[in-house]
């Protein structure tokens, strides 16, 4: 395939967007490459604000949903005909099995067959769609925020590899097998005979966690992925697929990947665009903090920044009746900290429908990129968020309120991150902050010990990332 001066960014969910958009803006500023964003809306309706941000930067959009912005080139993945056929067939089988009780087993077998056929058709459709996108956009390089089995990222990286198009991971988060295990602990236990057969022949799909045997996908999905040779070599570990390189953002993350068994040849310590933003903001933090306070009409008091976590109704702990109850208590509790200014930022995956009742609280919601706000705050409150790593890199103390009890161990040994899991402990932490003037300073001093390991704060990360992209494209061009 002939190459162009184009980079294709792949977005599967809203939280993928910010990190890749920062890089796309940098590439545009450097006039290095033309950026195209592929919004794969199979998993998540992409925020319209993000599409408008792309338009503002003259970044072309390709979408798998034909409901997009005016300037986008839309490629629609339309499985409606297959879905209609399969749905009618399944309904007929259900009706038949009700009439013929002895043939219920026929329904069970046929239902599984339909699932297999449906998934196979879906994959073939996705493969053809990706091939069409790559043929039309002719990118020199593909950039992803992660290679994740759940989102089928390995499909596009495998196709790209076959077309001699290199792919690079610019990580947007921290993840290992534990993250998937926590998410699927109650839903993906190995139970059926076929689960046991498939995990026997393909043991990489099995993960034993807290004495429970877990299977990452349904057995028929695994079989089809393996038959089509699209399965990641280590499906439980994010970023272990067919990508050429992972641009590692910090010494801590380099150790993290190596400790988890990723190949050293695929890892390169570059830093990230976020690191450069943090570096520049840190240098001017006092002046920028004053500007922010003036813009938001804040008093001359320390700033607490709270990222509002999205609603997951099925995981709301017993401390709260529902998500609205959690938000009410959170805002009410923080409003009592009269010695501090409290501002809020929204998680990229938060449902925009809740904005109405959020604004009813008359709180300060700042829609800026979270990277622009973290260096300007005196305390950061988040919930099991990868953004905490940026606060660590800036030496900003953190309260990590693990509302949904994910139990990730990413920050276990960081003394500047206070991790709590229930309402009582959260309120106790706020009480310490309110009553002890030196409490936040004490945590900050602890946090400063980890700054160098968690960030590349020299302002040259963008340059290193760009040089890495250039080298990858040059190498592939020479071997093409």
Protein backbone atom coordinates (compact mmCIF):
# COMPACT_ATOMS: atom_id res chain seq x y z
CA UNK A 1 0.00 0.00 0.00
CA UNK A 2 1.42 3.44 -0.89
CA UNK A 3 1.89 5.66 2.12
CA UNK A 4 0.91 9.28 2.63
CA UNK A 5 1.87 11.94 5.14
CA UNK A 6 -1.13 10.94 7.27
CA UNK A 7 -1.59 9.50 10.75
CA UNK A 8 -4.79 7.65 11.66
CA UNK A 9 -5.91 7.90 15.31
CA UNK A 10 -8.32 5.19 16.52
CA UNK A 11 -10.94 6.10 19.16
CA UNK A 12 -13.30 3.47 20.60
CA UNK A 13 -14.66 5.25 23.69
CA UNK A 14 -14.78 8.86 24.87
CA UNK A 15 -11.95 8.49 27.38
CA UNK A 16 -9.63 7.54 24.49
CA UNK A 17 -9.98 10.97 22.93
CA UNK A 18 -8.16 13.53 25.15
CA UNK A 19 -4.68 11.98 25.09
CA UNK A 20 -4.69 11.36 21.34
CA UNK A 21 -6.14 14.79 20.62
CA UNK A 22 -3.27 16.42 22.51
CA UNK A 23 -0.83 14.59 20.25
CA UNK A 24 -2.79 15.42 17.09
CA UNK A 25 -2.71 19.12 18.00
CA UNK A 26 1.05 18.90 18.52
CA UNK A 27 1.57 17.20 15.15
CA UNK A 28 -0.55 19.89 13.48
CA UNK A 29 1.43 22.64 15.18
CA UNK A 30 4.70 21.07 14.06
CA UNK A 31 3.25 20.62 10.54
CA UNK A 32 4.55 17.06 10.77
CA UNK A 33 1.58 14.97 9.69
CA UNK A 34 -2.05 15.30 8.71
CA UNK A 35 -4.25 13.76 11.37
CA UNK A 36 -7.39 11.69 10.81
CA UNK A 37 -9.57 10.50 13.68
CA UNK A 38 -11.44 7.23 13.32
CA UNK A 39 -14.39 7.25 15.71
CA UNK A 40 -15.50 3.65 16.13
CA UNK A 41 -18.93 4.18 17.68
CA UNK A 42 -19.78 0.52 18.06
CA UNK A 43 -19.01 0.71 21.79
CA UNK A 44 -19.69 4.29 22.76
CA UNK A 45 -21.48 7.28 21.24
CA UNK A 46 -18.59 9.72 20.82
CA UNK A 47 -19.15 13.11 22.44
CA UNK A 48 -20.19 15.70 19.84
CA UNK A 49 -17.91 18.23 21.58
CA UNK A 50 -14.94 16.08 20.59
CA UNK A 51 -16.02 16.08 16.97
CA UNK A 52 -16.30 19.88 17.08
CA UNK A 53 -12.80 20.08 18.56
CA UNK A 54 -11.52 18.08 15.59
CA UNK A 55 -13.29 20.41 13.16
CA UNK A 56 -11.75 23.43 14.87
CA UNK A 57 -8.28 21.95 14.37
CA UNK A 58 -9.12 20.97 10.76
CA UNK A 59 -8.75 17.31 11.67
CA UNK A 60 -10.62 15.01 9.34
CA UNK A 61 -13.07 12.54 10.89
CA UNK A 62 -13.96 9.05 9.77
CA UNK A 63 -16.88 7.54 11.66
CA UNK A 64 -18.50 4.13 11.79
CA UNK A 65 -21.73 5.99 12.57
CA UNK A 66 -23.34 8.04 9.81
CA UNK A 67 -24.73 10.52 12.37
CA UNK A 68 -21.71 12.79 12.51
CA UNK A 69 -20.53 16.30 12.00
CA UNK A 70 -20.95 18.08 8.70
CA UNK A 71 -17.34 17.82 7.59
CA UNK A 72 -16.81 14.15 8.27
CA UNK A 73 -16.24 11.40 5.79
CA UNK A 74 -18.58 8.77 7.13
CA UNK A 75 -18.15 5.06 6.71
CA UNK A 76 -21.12 3.25 8.16
CA UNK A 77 -20.87 -0.24 9.56
CA UNK A 78 -24.40 -1.44 8.93
CA UNK A 79 -25.26 -4.88 10.26
CA UNK A 80 -29.02 -4.30 10.17
CA UNK A 81 -29.82 -6.90 7.51
CA UNK A 82 -27.82 -9.59 9.28
CA UNK A 83 -29.35 -8.62 12.63
CA UNK A 84 -32.90 -8.78 11.19
CA UNK A 85 -32.34 -12.23 9.70
CA UNK A 86 -30.79 -13.57 12.90
CA UNK A 87 -33.47 -12.01 15.09
CA UNK A 88 -36.30 -13.57 13.07
CA UNK A 89 -34.58 -16.94 13.10
CA UNK A 90 -34.08 -16.80 16.86
CA UNK A 91 -37.72 -15.81 17.48
CA UNK A 92 -38.93 -18.70 15.34
CA UNK A 93 -36.77 -21.12 17.31
CA UNK A 94 -38.05 -19.74 20.63
CA UNK A 95 -41.66 -20.14 19.52
CA UNK A 96 -40.99 -23.63 18.20
CA UNK A 97 -39.30 -24.71 21.44
CA UNK A 98 -42.26 -23.45 23.49
CA UNK A 99 -44.63 -25.56 21.44
CA UNK A 100 -42.34 -28.61 21.53
CA UNK A 101 -41.06 -28.87 25.09
CA UNK A 102 -38.93 -31.88 24.23
CA UNK A 103 -37.04 -29.78 21.72
CA UNK A 104 -35.78 -27.15 24.16
CA UNK A 105 -32.27 -28.49 23.60
CA UNK A 106 -32.70 -27.62 19.93
CA UNK A 107 -33.27 -24.03 20.97
CA UNK A 108 -30.20 -23.98 23.20
CA UNK A 109 -28.01 -25.41 20.46
CA UNK A 110 -29.51 -23.15 17.78
CA UNK A 111 -29.25 -20.08 19.98
CA UNK A 112 -25.52 -20.71 20.44
CA UNK A 113 -25.16 -21.28 16.70
CA UNK A 114 -26.86 -17.96 16.03
CA UNK A 115 -24.51 -16.22 18.47
CA UNK A 116 -21.54 -17.74 16.67
CA UNK A 117 -22.87 -16.78 13.25
CA UNK A 118 -23.77 -13.27 14.44
CA UNK A 119 -20.31 -12.67 15.89
CA UNK A 120 -18.64 -14.08 12.79
CA UNK A 121 -20.66 -11.77 10.52
CA UNK A 122 -19.87 -8.84 12.80
CA UNK A 123 -16.15 -9.56 12.64
CA UNK A 124 -16.15 -9.96 8.87
CA UNK A 125 -18.02 -6.67 8.58
CA UNK A 126 -15.49 -4.98 10.88
CA UNK A 127 -12.52 -6.43 8.96
CA UNK A 128 -13.93 -5.19 5.65
CA UNK A 129 -14.71 -1.81 7.16
CA UNK A 130 -11.15 -1.40 8.51
CA UNK A 131 -9.67 -2.46 5.18
CA UNK A 132 -11.85 0.09 3.40
CA UNK A 133 -10.83 2.82 5.83
CA UNK A 134 -7.12 2.03 5.46
CA UNK A 135 -7.37 1.85 1.67
CA UNK A 136 -9.11 5.22 1.49
CA UNK A 137 -7.07 7.12 4.08
CA UNK A 138 -3.72 5.47 3.23
CA UNK A 139 -2.09 6.33 6.57
CA UNK A 140 1.65 6.16 7.13
CA UNK A 141 1.01 5.20 10.73
CA UNK A 142 -1.81 4.17 13.09
CA UNK A 143 -1.94 5.48 16.65
CA UNK A 144 -4.07 3.92 19.37
CA UNK A 145 -4.51 4.80 23.07
CA UNK A 146 -4.49 1.09 23.92
CA UNK A 147 -4.66 -2.32 22.30
CA UNK A 148 -7.62 -3.80 24.11
CA UNK A 149 -9.24 -7.18 23.40
CA UNK A 150 -12.68 -5.97 24.53
CA UNK A 151 -12.69 -3.27 21.84
CA UNK A 152 -11.17 -5.50 19.19
CA UNK A 153 -8.13 -3.23 18.79
CA UNK A 154 -5.98 -6.17 17.69
CA UNK A 155 -8.09 -6.50 14.55
CA UNK A 156 -6.99 -3.18 13.10
CA UNK A 157 -3.37 -3.58 14.27
CA UNK A 158 -3.22 -7.04 12.67
CA UNK A 159 -4.69 -5.76 9.39
CA UNK A 160 -2.27 -2.82 9.49
CA UNK A 161 0.67 -5.15 10.07
CA UNK A 162 -0.36 -7.22 7.02
CA UNK A 163 -0.43 -3.98 5.00
CA UNK A 164 3.01 -2.92 6.36
CA UNK A 165 1.49 0.02 8.24
CA UNK A 166 3.15 0.43 11.66
CA UNK A 167 0.99 1.02 14.73
CA UNK A 168 1.99 2.79 17.94
CA UNK A 169 0.36 2.85 21.36
CA UNK A 170 0.23 6.26 23.07
CA UNK A 171 -1.14 5.00 26.40
CA UNK A 172 -4.07 6.86 27.89
CA UNK A 173 -4.28 4.82 31.07
CA UNK A 174 -2.64 2.28 33.37
CA UNK A 175 -3.93 -1.28 33.03
CA UNK A 176 -2.98 -4.88 33.71
CA UNK A 177 -4.86 -8.17 34.06
CA UNK A 178 -6.28 -7.09 37.42
CA UNK A 179 -8.40 -4.38 35.82
CA UNK A 180 -10.28 -6.84 33.59
CA UNK A 181 -10.46 -9.36 36.44
CA UNK A 182 -12.16 -6.83 38.73
CA UNK A 183 -14.59 -5.79 36.00
CA UNK A 184 -15.56 -9.35 35.00
CA UNK A 185 -15.15 -11.11 38.36
CA UNK A 186 -18.88 -11.84 38.79
CA UNK A 187 -19.87 -12.23 35.15
CA UNK A 188 -17.14 -14.21 33.37
CA UNK A 189 -16.47 -17.25 35.50
CA UNK A 190 -15.58 -20.47 33.66
CA UNK A 191 -18.74 -22.54 34.02
CA UNK A 192 -19.79 -24.45 30.92
CA UNK A 193 -18.18 -27.52 29.37
CA UNK A 194 -17.20 -25.46 26.31
CA UNK A 195 -15.65 -22.77 28.54
CA UNK A 196 -13.41 -25.47 30.01
CA UNK A 197 -12.57 -26.95 26.61
CA UNK A 198 -11.66 -23.61 25.05
CA UNK A 199 -9.54 -22.44 28.01
CA UNK A 200 -7.77 -25.82 27.96
CA UNK A 201 -6.71 -25.47 24.33
CA UNK A 202 -6.23 -21.69 24.54
CA UNK A 203 -4.99 -21.12 28.12
CA UNK A 204 -4.10 -17.49 27.39
CA UNK A 205 -7.84 -16.70 27.64
CA UNK A 206 -7.98 -18.02 31.21
CA UNK A 207 -7.09 -15.86 34.21
CA UNK A 208 -7.27 -17.07 37.80
CA UNK A 209 -8.08 -14.24 40.18
CA UNK A 210 -8.98 -14.56 43.86
CA UNK A 211 -9.36 -18.34 43.37
CA UNK A 212 -11.88 -17.83 40.56
CA UNK A 213 -11.28 -19.06 37.00
CA UNK A 214 -12.25 -16.33 34.56
CA UNK A 215 -12.68 -16.38 30.78
CA UNK A 216 -12.34 -13.02 29.05
CA UNK A 217 -14.88 -13.51 26.23
CA UNK A 218 -17.62 -15.99 25.37
CA UNK A 219 -16.09 -19.24 24.16
CA UNK A 220 -17.53 -18.85 20.64
CA UNK A 221 -15.96 -15.39 20.33
CA UNK A 222 -12.59 -16.83 21.33
CA UNK A 223 -12.87 -19.67 18.82
CA UNK A 224 -13.67 -17.31 15.94
CA UNK A 225 -10.87 -14.90 16.87
CA UNK A 226 -8.41 -17.79 17.06
CA UNK A 227 -9.63 -19.32 13.78
CA UNK A 228 -9.30 -15.97 12.00
CA UNK A 229 -5.90 -15.42 13.69
CA UNK A 230 -7.02 -12.09 15.13
CA UNK A 231 -6.57 -12.96 18.80
CA UNK A 232 -4.05 -11.04 20.86
CA UNK A 233 -1.17 -13.22 22.15
CA UNK A 234 -2.01 -12.07 25.71
CA UNK A 235 -5.67 -11.04 25.62
CA UNK A 236 -5.92 -10.25 29.34
CA UNK A 237 -3.08 -7.74 29.21
CA UNK A 238 -3.77 -4.42 27.50
CA UNK A 239 -1.26 -3.35 24.80
CA UNK A 240 0.20 -6.82 24.26
CA UNK A 241 -1.12 -7.33 20.72
CA UNK A 242 0.20 -6.65 17.20
CA UNK A 243 1.36 -3.05 17.68
CA UNK A 244 4.94 -2.18 16.71
CA UNK A 245 5.77 0.03 19.67
CA UNK A 246 4.52 1.48 22.94
CA UNK A 247 5.62 5.07 23.64
CA UNK A 248 6.18 4.84 27.40
CA UNK A 249 5.44 8.01 29.31
CA UNK A 250 7.55 7.62 32.46
CA UNK A 251 10.23 5.51 34.16
CA UNK A 252 7.53 4.12 36.46
CA UNK A 253 5.45 2.95 33.49
CA UNK A 254 8.54 1.40 31.86
CA UNK A 255 9.10 -0.68 35.00
CA UNK A 256 5.39 -1.46 35.13
CA UNK A 257 5.36 -2.88 31.59
CA UNK A 258 8.58 -4.83 32.05
CA UNK A 259 7.37 -6.29 35.35
CA UNK A 260 4.23 -7.44 33.55
CA UNK A 261 6.20 -9.26 30.89
CA UNK A 262 5.95 -6.98 27.85
CA UNK A 263 8.80 -7.33 25.37
CA UNK A 264 11.55 -4.74 25.98
CA UNK A 265 12.04 -4.31 22.21
CA UNK A 266 8.50 -2.91 21.93
CA UNK A 267 8.99 -0.31 24.68
CA UNK A 268 10.54 3.12 24.24
CA UNK A 269 10.70 5.76 26.95
CA UNK A 270 9.51 9.00 25.32
CA UNK A 271 7.30 10.83 27.79
CA UNK A 272 3.98 12.20 26.55
CA UNK A 273 2.44 15.43 25.28
CA UNK A 274 0.68 15.61 28.65
CA UNK A 275 4.10 15.67 30.33
CA UNK A 276 5.11 18.70 28.25
CA UNK A 277 1.86 20.45 29.12
CA UNK A 278 2.39 19.74 32.82
CA UNK A 279 6.00 20.94 32.57
CA UNK A 280 5.01 24.27 31.01
CA UNK A 281 2.06 24.77 33.36
CA UNK A 282 4.20 24.00 36.40
CA UNK A 283 6.69 26.72 35.43
CA UNK A 284 3.90 29.32 35.35
CA UNK A 285 1.58 27.76 37.94
CA UNK A 286 1.44 30.73 40.32
CA UNK A 287 0.51 33.19 37.57
CA UNK A 288 -1.95 30.77 35.92
CA UNK A 289 -3.57 29.96 39.24
CA UNK A 290 -4.28 33.66 39.78
CA UNK A 291 -5.76 33.91 36.28
CA UNK A 292 -7.98 30.86 36.94
CA UNK A 293 -9.20 32.28 40.25
CA UNK A 294 -10.04 35.59 38.59
CA UNK A 295 -11.84 33.89 35.71
CA UNK A 296 -13.94 31.75 38.07
CA UNK A 297 -14.45 34.53 40.63
CA UNK A 298 -12.72 32.52 43.34
CA UNK A 299 -11.34 33.80 46.64
CA UNK A 300 -7.61 33.75 47.31
CA UNK A 301 -7.72 30.30 48.89
CA UNK A 302 -6.15 26.94 47.97
CA UNK A 303 -7.89 25.02 45.19
CA UNK A 304 -9.36 21.52 45.48
CA UNK A 305 -9.98 19.95 42.08
CA UNK A 306 -12.50 17.09 41.95
CA UNK A 307 -13.05 14.96 38.87
CA UNK A 308 -16.62 13.67 38.82
CA UNK A 309 -16.66 9.96 38.05
CA UNK A 310 -19.29 8.53 35.68
CA UNK A 311 -22.39 6.68 36.84
CA UNK A 312 -22.25 2.87 37.00
CA UNK A 313 -25.63 1.93 38.50
CA UNK A 314 -24.77 -1.76 38.84
CA UNK A 315 -21.70 -0.94 40.99
CA UNK A 316 -23.07 1.75 43.32
CA UNK A 317 -22.01 0.72 46.86
CA UNK A 318 -24.49 0.32 49.71
CA UNK A 319 -23.30 3.66 51.15
CA UNK A 320 -25.56 5.35 48.60
CA UNK A 321 -29.07 4.73 47.28
CA UNK A 322 -28.01 5.72 43.76
CA UNK A 323 -25.55 7.87 41.79
CA UNK A 324 -27.53 11.07 42.45
CA UNK A 325 -27.25 10.41 46.19
CA UNK A 326 -23.46 10.04 45.85
CA UNK A 327 -23.19 13.32 43.90
CA UNK A 328 -25.36 15.10 46.47
CA UNK A 329 -23.21 13.95 49.40
CA UNK A 330 -19.95 14.64 47.55
CA UNK A 331 -20.88 18.20 46.65
CA UNK A 332 -22.43 18.92 50.04
CA UNK A 333 -19.35 17.59 51.87
CA UNK A 334 -16.88 19.55 49.75
CA UNK A 335 -18.93 22.74 50.05
CA UNK A 336 -18.30 22.67 53.81
CA UNK A 337 -14.56 23.13 53.29
CA UNK A 338 -14.77 26.89 53.71
CA UNK A 339 -10.98 27.36 53.71
CA UNK A 340 -10.76 26.07 50.11
CA UNK A 341 -12.05 26.82 46.65
CA UNK A 342 -13.60 23.68 45.14
CA UNK A 343 -13.81 23.24 41.37
CA UNK A 344 -15.06 20.27 39.35
CA UNK A 345 -14.08 18.61 36.10
CA UNK A 346 -16.06 15.93 34.24
CA UNK A 347 -14.77 12.47 33.38
CA UNK A 348 -14.87 11.98 29.57
CA UNK A 349 -17.35 9.09 29.96
CA UNK A 350 -19.78 10.96 32.19
CA UNK A 351 -23.33 11.09 30.85
CA UNK A 352 -23.98 14.63 29.64
CA UNK A 353 -27.64 14.22 30.65
CA UNK A 354 -26.69 14.74 34.29
CA UNK A 355 -25.23 18.18 33.59
CA UNK A 356 -28.61 19.80 34.20
CA UNK A 357 -28.90 18.69 37.78
CA UNK A 358 -25.18 19.27 38.38
CA UNK A 359 -25.58 22.93 37.47
CA UNK A 360 -28.52 23.14 39.88
CA UNK A 361 -25.96 22.82 42.67
CA UNK A 362 -24.32 26.06 41.51
CA UNK A 363 -20.86 24.51 41.65
CA UNK A 364 -17.84 25.58 39.59
CA UNK A 365 -17.60 23.12 36.69
CA UNK A 366 -14.53 23.77 34.56
CA UNK A 367 -14.63 22.06 31.15
CA UNK A 368 -10.91 22.56 30.40
CA UNK A 369 -8.62 19.63 29.67
CA UNK A 370 -7.87 18.05 33.06
CA UNK A 371 -4.13 18.29 32.31
CA UNK A 372 -4.51 22.09 32.29
CA UNK A 373 -6.05 22.06 35.77
CA UNK A 374 -4.08 19.51 37.80
CA UNK A 375 -0.87 21.63 38.14
CA UNK A 376 -2.98 24.54 39.40
CA UNK A 377 -4.69 22.73 42.26
CA UNK A 378 -3.54 22.08 45.81
CA UNK A 379 -5.42 18.79 46.21
CA UNK A 380 -6.83 16.44 43.57
CA UNK A 381 -9.81 14.16 44.22
CA UNK A 382 -10.58 11.39 41.73
CA UNK A 383 -11.96 7.85 41.65
CA UNK A 384 -9.56 5.09 40.56
CA UNK A 385 -8.54 7.32 37.66
CA UNK A 386 -5.43 7.12 35.49
CA UNK A 387 -5.30 10.93 35.70
CA UNK A 388 -3.92 10.50 39.22
CA UNK A 389 -0.55 9.71 37.62
CA UNK A 390 -0.33 13.33 36.41
CA UNK A 391 -0.96 14.66 39.92
CA UNK A 392 1.86 12.43 41.18
CA UNK A 393 4.15 13.77 38.43
CA UNK A 394 3.35 17.31 39.60
CA UNK A 395 3.75 16.52 43.30
CA UNK A 396 0.07 17.26 43.94
CA UNK A 397 -1.52 15.30 46.85
CA UNK A 398 -4.43 13.04 45.92
CA UNK A 399 -7.52 11.51 47.51
CA UNK A 400 -8.36 8.44 45.47
CA UNK A 401 -11.98 7.65 46.39
CA UNK A 402 -12.42 4.16 44.92
CA UNK A 403 -16.21 4.50 44.81
CA UNK A 404 -16.85 1.35 42.77
CA UNK A 405 -14.26 -0.72 44.66
CA UNK A 406 -12.13 -1.63 41.65
CA UNK A 407 -9.24 -2.35 44.03
CA UNK A 408 -6.59 -1.45 41.45
CA UNK A 409 -3.11 -1.56 42.96
CA UNK A 410 -1.59 1.16 40.73
CA UNK A 411 -1.03 3.61 43.60
CA UNK A 412 -0.64 1.24 46.54
CA UNK A 413 2.93 2.27 47.38
CA UNK A 414 2.51 6.00 46.73
CA UNK A 415 2.31 7.77 50.08
CA UNK A 416 1.02 10.96 48.47
CA UNK A 417 -2.12 9.15 47.25
CA UNK A 418 -4.68 8.47 49.98
CA UNK A 419 -6.92 5.63 48.75
CA UNK A 420 -10.29 5.13 50.45
CA UNK A 421 -13.26 2.91 49.61
CA UNK A 422 -16.25 4.08 51.66
CA UNK A 423 -18.22 7.15 52.65
CA UNK A 424 -17.09 7.14 56.29
CA UNK A 425 -13.38 7.20 55.41
CA UNK A 426 -13.97 9.87 52.76
CA UNK A 427 -15.72 12.14 55.26
CA UNK A 428 -12.93 11.51 57.79
CA UNK A 429 -10.32 12.63 55.23
CA UNK A 430 -12.27 15.82 54.55
CA UNK A 431 -12.48 16.43 58.29
CA UNK A 432 -8.67 16.16 58.58
CA UNK A 433 -8.27 18.61 55.70
CA UNK A 434 -10.68 21.07 57.27
CA UNK A 435 -9.27 20.92 60.79
CA UNK A 436 -5.54 20.52 60.17
CA UNK A 437 -3.89 23.29 58.13
CA UNK A 438 -0.71 21.29 57.61
CA UNK A 439 -2.41 18.03 56.53
CA UNK A 440 -2.32 18.72 52.77
CA UNK A 441 1.25 20.05 53.03
CA UNK A 442 2.33 16.83 54.74
CA UNK A 443 0.85 14.71 51.93
CA UNK A 444 2.42 17.02 49.32
CA UNK A 445 5.87 16.52 50.82
CA UNK A 446 5.37 12.75 50.55
CA UNK A 447 4.17 13.07 46.96
CA UNK A 448 7.27 14.98 45.87
CA UNK A 449 9.35 11.83 46.40
CA UNK A 450 7.72 10.21 43.34
CA UNK A 451 7.75 13.09 40.84
CA UNK A 452 10.76 11.97 38.75
CA UNK A 453 9.53 8.38 38.41
CA UNK A 454 6.03 9.34 37.26
CA UNK A 455 6.77 11.99 34.63
CA UNK A 456 9.28 13.20 32.03
CA UNK A 457 9.32 16.85 33.05
CA UNK A 458 11.86 18.34 30.66
CA UNK A 459 9.55 19.79 28.00
CA UNK A 460 10.99 17.53 25.29
CA UNK A 461 8.52 14.64 25.26
CA UNK A 462 6.72 15.88 22.14
CA UNK A 463 10.03 16.02 20.30
CA UNK A 464 10.87 12.46 21.39
CA UNK A 465 7.45 11.15 20.35
CA UNK A 466 7.67 12.86 16.94
CA UNK A 467 11.18 11.48 16.33
CA UNK A 468 9.87 8.01 17.23
CA UNK A 469 6.99 8.27 14.74
CA UNK A 470 9.39 9.49 12.04
CA UNK A 471 11.77 6.58 12.61
CA UNK A 472 9.00 4.00 12.49
CA UNK A 473 7.67 5.34 9.20
CA UNK A 474 11.17 5.59 7.70
CA UNK A 475 11.96 2.00 8.69
CA UNK A 476 8.76 0.70 7.14
CA UNK A 477 9.28 2.77 4.00
CA UNK A 478 12.77 1.26 3.52
CA UNK A 479 11.48 -2.30 3.94
CA UNK A 480 8.32 -1.81 1.84
